[in-house]
Amino acid sequence: MEPASIHLRTHDLPWRATPSPGVEWKKLHFERSSGRSAVLLRFAPQASYAAHRHPRGEEYFVLEGQLEDGGASYGPYTYVRLPAGSAHRPSSKSGCIVLVWLDAPIEELS
C-alpha cells in the first residue's frame, strides 16, 4: 500500500533550535523505520553547524543566501550531493535557508 501524500505549509511550522547556536530547523518529514528525513535549515549570519558525518550521504538545495561548505560557497538554487561517509561543518557568513534530505541520521563529530 502506498503511503499517504504529505502537504505542509512550511510557514506554519515553528523553527526549532539545534545544538548549534544560530542554526534552526523545521522537520518536513521523518521516516522512523529507515531514518530518512527532510528538513529546512536556517543559518543566521556567521552561524555554523557542528561538525558531523553522513553515514548514508546527504543532499541539499540552497533556497536563500549563501552556504559555505568544504571550501566552496553555494548560492540560491544550488544543489549539492555528498556521498555516504562524508563529513563537514557547513556555515554561512550572510545567513541562508537550505532544504536538506538525509537517508539516515547524522553522526556528530567532536
N, C-alpha and C. Protein backbone atom coordinates (compact mmCIF):
# COMPACT_ATOMS: atom_id res chain seq x y z
N MET A 1 0.83 -1.18 0.00
CA MET A 1 0.00 0.00 0.00
C MET A 1 0.87 1.24 0.00
N GLU A 2 0.57 2.16 -0.88
CA GLU A 2 1.32 3.42 -0.98
C GLU A 2 1.06 4.29 0.24
N PRO A 3 2.11 4.94 0.77
CA PRO A 3 1.87 5.87 1.88
C PRO A 3 1.07 7.08 1.41
N ALA A 4 0.41 7.72 2.34
CA ALA A 4 -0.37 8.91 2.03
C ALA A 4 0.53 10.06 1.60
N SER A 5 0.01 10.91 0.76
CA SER A 5 0.74 12.12 0.38
C SER A 5 0.88 13.04 1.59
N ILE A 6 1.91 13.84 1.57
CA ILE A 6 2.14 14.80 2.65
C ILE A 6 2.14 16.20 2.04
N HIS A 7 1.40 17.11 2.64
CA HIS A 7 1.35 18.50 2.19
C HIS A 7 1.55 19.37 3.41
N LEU A 8 2.58 20.19 3.39
CA LEU A 8 2.88 21.05 4.54
C LEU A 8 2.92 22.50 4.12
N ARG A 9 2.39 23.35 4.96
CA ARG A 9 2.56 24.80 4.81
C ARG A 9 3.73 25.14 5.70
N THR A 10 4.92 25.19 5.13
CA THR A 10 6.12 25.32 5.94
C THR A 10 6.17 26.63 6.72
N HIS A 11 5.48 27.67 6.25
CA HIS A 11 5.43 28.92 7.02
C HIS A 11 4.73 28.72 8.36
N ASP A 12 3.83 27.73 8.44
CA ASP A 12 3.10 27.48 9.67
C ASP A 12 3.88 26.63 10.68
N LEU A 13 4.97 26.02 10.26
CA LEU A 13 5.77 25.18 11.15
C LEU A 13 6.72 26.06 11.97
N PRO A 14 6.92 25.74 13.23
CA PRO A 14 7.85 26.55 14.04
C PRO A 14 9.30 26.22 13.72
N TRP A 15 10.16 27.23 13.81
CA TRP A 15 11.59 26.99 13.75
C TRP A 15 12.00 26.44 15.11
N ARG A 16 12.85 25.42 15.10
CA ARG A 16 13.33 24.78 16.33
C ARG A 16 14.83 25.00 16.45
N ALA A 17 15.29 25.16 17.68
CA ALA A 17 16.73 25.33 17.92
C ALA A 17 17.46 24.02 17.65
N THR A 18 18.69 24.13 17.20
CA THR A 18 19.60 22.97 17.10
C THR A 18 20.66 23.15 18.17
N PRO A 19 21.49 22.16 18.39
CA PRO A 19 22.60 22.33 19.34
C PRO A 19 23.63 23.37 18.86
N SER A 20 23.56 23.76 17.59
CA SER A 20 24.49 24.74 17.03
C SER A 20 23.87 26.13 17.11
N PRO A 21 24.45 27.05 17.89
CA PRO A 21 23.87 28.40 18.02
C PRO A 21 23.72 29.08 16.66
N GLY A 22 22.55 29.68 16.45
CA GLY A 22 22.30 30.40 15.20
C GLY A 22 21.78 29.54 14.07
N VAL A 23 21.62 28.24 14.31
CA VAL A 23 21.07 27.34 13.29
C VAL A 23 19.77 26.76 13.82
N GLU A 24 18.71 26.92 13.04
CA GLU A 24 17.39 26.41 13.40
C GLU A 24 16.89 25.47 12.31
N TRP A 25 15.89 24.66 12.65
CA TRP A 25 15.38 23.70 11.68
C TRP A 25 13.87 23.53 11.79
N LYS A 26 13.30 23.06 10.67
CA LYS A 26 11.90 22.67 10.61
C LYS A 26 11.85 21.25 10.05
N LYS A 27 11.17 20.37 10.76
CA LYS A 27 11.04 18.99 10.29
C LYS A 27 9.93 18.93 9.24
N LEU A 28 10.28 18.47 8.05
CA LEU A 28 9.31 18.29 6.99
C LEU A 28 8.85 16.84 6.92
N HIS A 29 9.79 15.92 7.16
CA HIS A 29 9.46 14.50 7.07
C HIS A 29 10.50 13.70 7.86
N PHE A 30 10.04 12.67 8.55
CA PHE A 30 10.94 11.73 9.20
C PHE A 30 10.31 10.35 9.14
N GLU A 31 11.06 9.41 8.61
CA GLU A 31 10.62 8.03 8.48
C GLU A 31 11.36 7.20 9.52
N ARG A 32 10.69 6.88 10.59
CA ARG A 32 11.32 6.20 11.72
C ARG A 32 11.98 4.87 11.32
N SER A 33 11.35 4.11 10.45
CA SER A 33 11.87 2.78 10.10
C SER A 33 13.22 2.83 9.38
N SER A 34 13.45 3.85 8.56
CA SER A 34 14.69 3.94 7.79
C SER A 34 15.63 5.04 8.27
N GLY A 35 15.09 6.03 8.98
CA GLY A 35 15.88 7.18 9.38
C GLY A 35 15.93 8.28 8.33
N ARG A 36 15.23 8.10 7.22
CA ARG A 36 15.19 9.14 6.19
C ARG A 36 14.48 10.37 6.72
N SER A 37 14.95 11.54 6.26
CA SER A 37 14.31 12.78 6.69
C SER A 37 14.49 13.87 5.65
N ALA A 38 13.64 14.88 5.80
CA ALA A 38 13.75 16.10 5.01
C ALA A 38 13.52 17.25 5.98
N VAL A 39 14.42 18.23 5.97
CA VAL A 39 14.33 19.36 6.89
C VAL A 39 14.71 20.65 6.18
N LEU A 40 14.21 21.75 6.72
CA LEU A 40 14.71 23.07 6.34
C LEU A 40 15.67 23.50 7.43
N LEU A 41 16.82 24.03 7.05
CA LEU A 41 17.78 24.60 7.99
C LEU A 41 17.89 26.08 7.72
N ARG A 42 17.89 26.88 8.78
CA ARG A 42 18.08 28.33 8.66
C ARG A 42 19.31 28.71 9.46
N PHE A 43 20.30 29.27 8.77
CA PHE A 43 21.54 29.74 9.38
C PHE A 43 21.46 31.25 9.54
N ALA A 44 21.66 31.75 10.75
CA ALA A 44 21.81 33.18 10.97
C ALA A 44 23.17 33.60 10.42
N PRO A 45 23.36 34.89 10.14
CA PRO A 45 24.69 35.33 9.70
C PRO A 45 25.77 34.91 10.71
N GLN A 46 26.88 34.42 10.19
CA GLN A 46 28.05 33.96 10.95
C GLN A 46 27.83 32.65 11.72
N ALA A 47 26.74 31.95 11.48
CA ALA A 47 26.46 30.69 12.18
C ALA A 47 27.11 29.52 11.45
N SER A 48 27.41 28.47 12.21
CA SER A 48 27.92 27.24 11.62
C SER A 48 27.31 26.05 12.36
N TYR A 49 27.16 24.96 11.63
CA TYR A 49 26.61 23.74 12.19
C TYR A 49 27.78 22.90 12.68
N ALA A 50 27.61 22.22 13.79
CA ALA A 50 28.68 21.39 14.36
C ALA A 50 29.16 20.36 13.33
N ALA A 51 30.42 20.01 13.43
CA ALA A 51 31.00 19.01 12.53
C ALA A 51 30.24 17.68 12.69
N HIS A 52 29.93 17.06 11.56
CA HIS A 52 29.17 15.81 11.58
C HIS A 52 29.45 14.99 10.33
N ARG A 53 29.09 13.71 10.41
CA ARG A 53 29.27 12.77 9.29
C ARG A 53 27.89 12.30 8.83
N HIS A 54 27.83 11.95 7.54
CA HIS A 54 26.60 11.43 6.94
C HIS A 54 26.85 9.98 6.54
N PRO A 55 26.41 9.02 7.37
CA PRO A 55 26.69 7.62 7.07
C PRO A 55 26.12 7.14 5.75
N ARG A 56 25.00 7.74 5.30
CA ARG A 56 24.41 7.33 4.03
C ARG A 56 24.25 8.51 3.07
N GLY A 57 25.05 9.54 3.26
CA GLY A 57 25.05 10.67 2.34
C GLY A 57 24.05 11.76 2.70
N GLU A 58 24.11 12.84 1.94
CA GLU A 58 23.24 13.99 2.15
C GLU A 58 23.03 14.69 0.82
N GLU A 59 21.85 15.26 0.65
CA GLU A 59 21.56 16.13 -0.47
C GLU A 59 21.00 17.42 0.09
N TYR A 60 21.42 18.55 -0.50
CA TYR A 60 20.80 19.81 -0.08
C TYR A 60 20.68 20.78 -1.24
N PHE A 61 19.74 21.70 -1.07
CA PHE A 61 19.42 22.70 -2.08
C PHE A 61 19.32 24.04 -1.36
N VAL A 62 20.16 24.99 -1.76
CA VAL A 62 20.17 26.31 -1.14
C VAL A 62 19.00 27.11 -1.70
N LEU A 63 18.13 27.56 -0.80
CA LEU A 63 16.96 28.33 -1.21
C LEU A 63 17.23 29.83 -1.18
N GLU A 64 17.90 30.28 -0.12
CA GLU A 64 18.20 31.71 0.07
C GLU A 64 19.59 31.86 0.66
N GLY A 65 20.27 32.95 0.35
CA GLY A 65 21.55 33.28 0.96
C GLY A 65 22.71 32.46 0.41
N GLN A 66 23.77 32.37 1.19
CA GLN A 66 24.99 31.67 0.79
C GLN A 66 25.37 30.68 1.88
N LEU A 67 25.69 29.46 1.49
CA LEU A 67 26.18 28.43 2.41
C LEU A 67 27.62 28.11 2.06
N GLU A 68 28.49 28.15 3.05
CA GLU A 68 29.88 27.77 2.86
C GLU A 68 30.05 26.32 3.33
N ASP A 69 30.68 25.52 2.49
CA ASP A 69 30.83 24.10 2.80
C ASP A 69 32.03 23.53 2.05
N GLY A 70 32.96 22.95 2.77
CA GLY A 70 34.10 22.30 2.14
C GLY A 70 34.94 23.22 1.30
N GLY A 71 35.08 24.48 1.70
CA GLY A 71 35.90 25.43 0.96
C GLY A 71 35.19 26.11 -0.22
N ALA A 72 33.94 25.79 -0.44
CA ALA A 72 33.17 26.41 -1.52
C ALA A 72 32.00 27.19 -0.94
N SER A 73 31.47 28.11 -1.73
CA SER A 73 30.31 28.89 -1.33
C SER A 73 29.20 28.63 -2.33
N TYR A 74 28.02 28.29 -1.82
CA TYR A 74 26.89 27.94 -2.68
C TYR A 74 25.75 28.92 -2.47
N GLY A 75 25.25 29.48 -3.56
CA GLY A 75 24.17 30.45 -3.50
C GLY A 75 22.83 29.84 -3.85
N PRO A 76 21.81 30.70 -3.96
CA PRO A 76 20.46 30.22 -4.25
C PRO A 76 20.39 29.34 -5.50
N TYR A 77 19.57 28.31 -5.41
CA TYR A 77 19.30 27.36 -6.48
C TYR A 77 20.47 26.42 -6.76
N THR A 78 21.36 26.28 -5.79
CA THR A 78 22.47 25.34 -5.93
C THR A 78 22.10 24.03 -5.24
N TYR A 79 22.29 22.92 -5.96
CA TYR A 79 22.05 21.58 -5.43
C TYR A 79 23.40 20.92 -5.15
N VAL A 80 23.53 20.29 -4.00
CA VAL A 80 24.77 19.61 -3.62
C VAL A 80 24.42 18.21 -3.13
N ARG A 81 25.18 17.21 -3.56
CA ARG A 81 25.02 15.84 -3.08
C ARG A 81 26.35 15.39 -2.50
N LEU A 82 26.32 14.96 -1.24
CA LEU A 82 27.52 14.46 -0.56
C LEU A 82 27.42 12.95 -0.44
N PRO A 83 28.53 12.23 -0.69
CA PRO A 83 28.48 10.77 -0.66
C PRO A 83 28.40 10.20 0.75
N ALA A 84 28.04 8.94 0.83
CA ALA A 84 27.99 8.23 2.11
C ALA A 84 29.35 8.33 2.80
N GLY A 85 29.33 8.59 4.10
CA GLY A 85 30.57 8.69 4.88
C GLY A 85 31.19 10.06 4.89
N SER A 86 30.65 11.00 4.14
CA SER A 86 31.24 12.34 4.09
C SER A 86 31.05 13.06 5.42
N ALA A 87 31.99 13.94 5.74
CA ALA A 87 31.92 14.73 6.96
C ALA A 87 32.17 16.19 6.60
N HIS A 88 31.51 17.10 7.33
CA HIS A 88 31.70 18.52 7.06
C HIS A 88 31.20 19.35 8.23
N ARG A 89 31.41 20.67 8.10
CA ARG A 89 30.95 21.66 9.09
C ARG A 89 30.46 22.88 8.31
N PRO A 90 29.24 22.84 7.78
CA PRO A 90 28.74 23.95 6.97
C PRO A 90 28.52 25.21 7.81
N SER A 91 28.64 26.35 7.15
CA SER A 91 28.45 27.63 7.82
C SER A 91 27.90 28.64 6.82
N SER A 92 27.53 29.83 7.35
CA SER A 92 27.05 30.89 6.47
C SER A 92 27.49 32.23 7.00
N LYS A 93 28.21 32.99 6.18
CA LYS A 93 28.63 34.34 6.58
C LYS A 93 27.45 35.31 6.58
N SER A 94 26.55 35.16 5.60
CA SER A 94 25.46 36.12 5.42
C SER A 94 24.10 35.61 5.89
N GLY A 95 24.02 34.32 6.22
CA GLY A 95 22.75 33.68 6.56
C GLY A 95 22.17 32.99 5.35
N CYS A 96 21.39 31.93 5.57
CA CYS A 96 20.81 31.20 4.45
C CYS A 96 19.71 30.27 4.93
N ILE A 97 18.94 29.77 3.97
CA ILE A 97 17.95 28.72 4.21
C ILE A 97 18.24 27.61 3.21
N VAL A 98 18.30 26.37 3.73
CA VAL A 98 18.69 25.21 2.93
C VAL A 98 17.69 24.09 3.15
N LEU A 99 17.28 23.44 2.06
CA LEU A 99 16.44 22.25 2.12
C LEU A 99 17.37 21.04 2.09
N VAL A 100 17.24 20.16 3.09
CA VAL A 100 18.16 19.04 3.26
C VAL A 100 17.40 17.72 3.24
N TRP A 101 17.96 16.72 2.52
CA TRP A 101 17.44 15.36 2.52
C TRP A 101 18.53 14.44 3.04
N LEU A 102 18.17 13.58 3.99
CA LEU A 102 19.11 12.61 4.57
C LEU A 102 18.52 11.22 4.47
N ASP A 103 19.36 10.24 4.16
CA ASP A 103 18.91 8.85 4.13
C ASP A 103 19.08 8.17 5.49
N ALA A 104 19.79 8.84 6.41
CA ALA A 104 20.00 8.32 7.76
C ALA A 104 20.36 9.49 8.65
N PRO A 105 20.14 9.38 9.94
CA PRO A 105 20.54 10.46 10.86
C PRO A 105 22.04 10.73 10.79
N ILE A 106 22.42 11.97 11.13
CA ILE A 106 23.83 12.34 11.13
C ILE A 106 24.53 11.75 12.35
N GLU A 107 25.87 11.69 12.28
CA GLU A 107 26.70 11.29 13.40
C GLU A 107 27.53 12.51 13.78
N GLU A 108 27.35 13.03 14.98
CA GLU A 108 28.12 14.19 15.42
C GLU A 108 29.57 13.81 15.63
N LEU A 109 30.47 14.73 15.29
CA LEU A 109 31.91 14.54 15.48
C LEU A 109 32.37 15.50 16.56
N SER A 110 33.39 15.12 17.29
CA SER A 110 33.89 16.03 18.34
C SER A 110 34.95 16.95 17.82
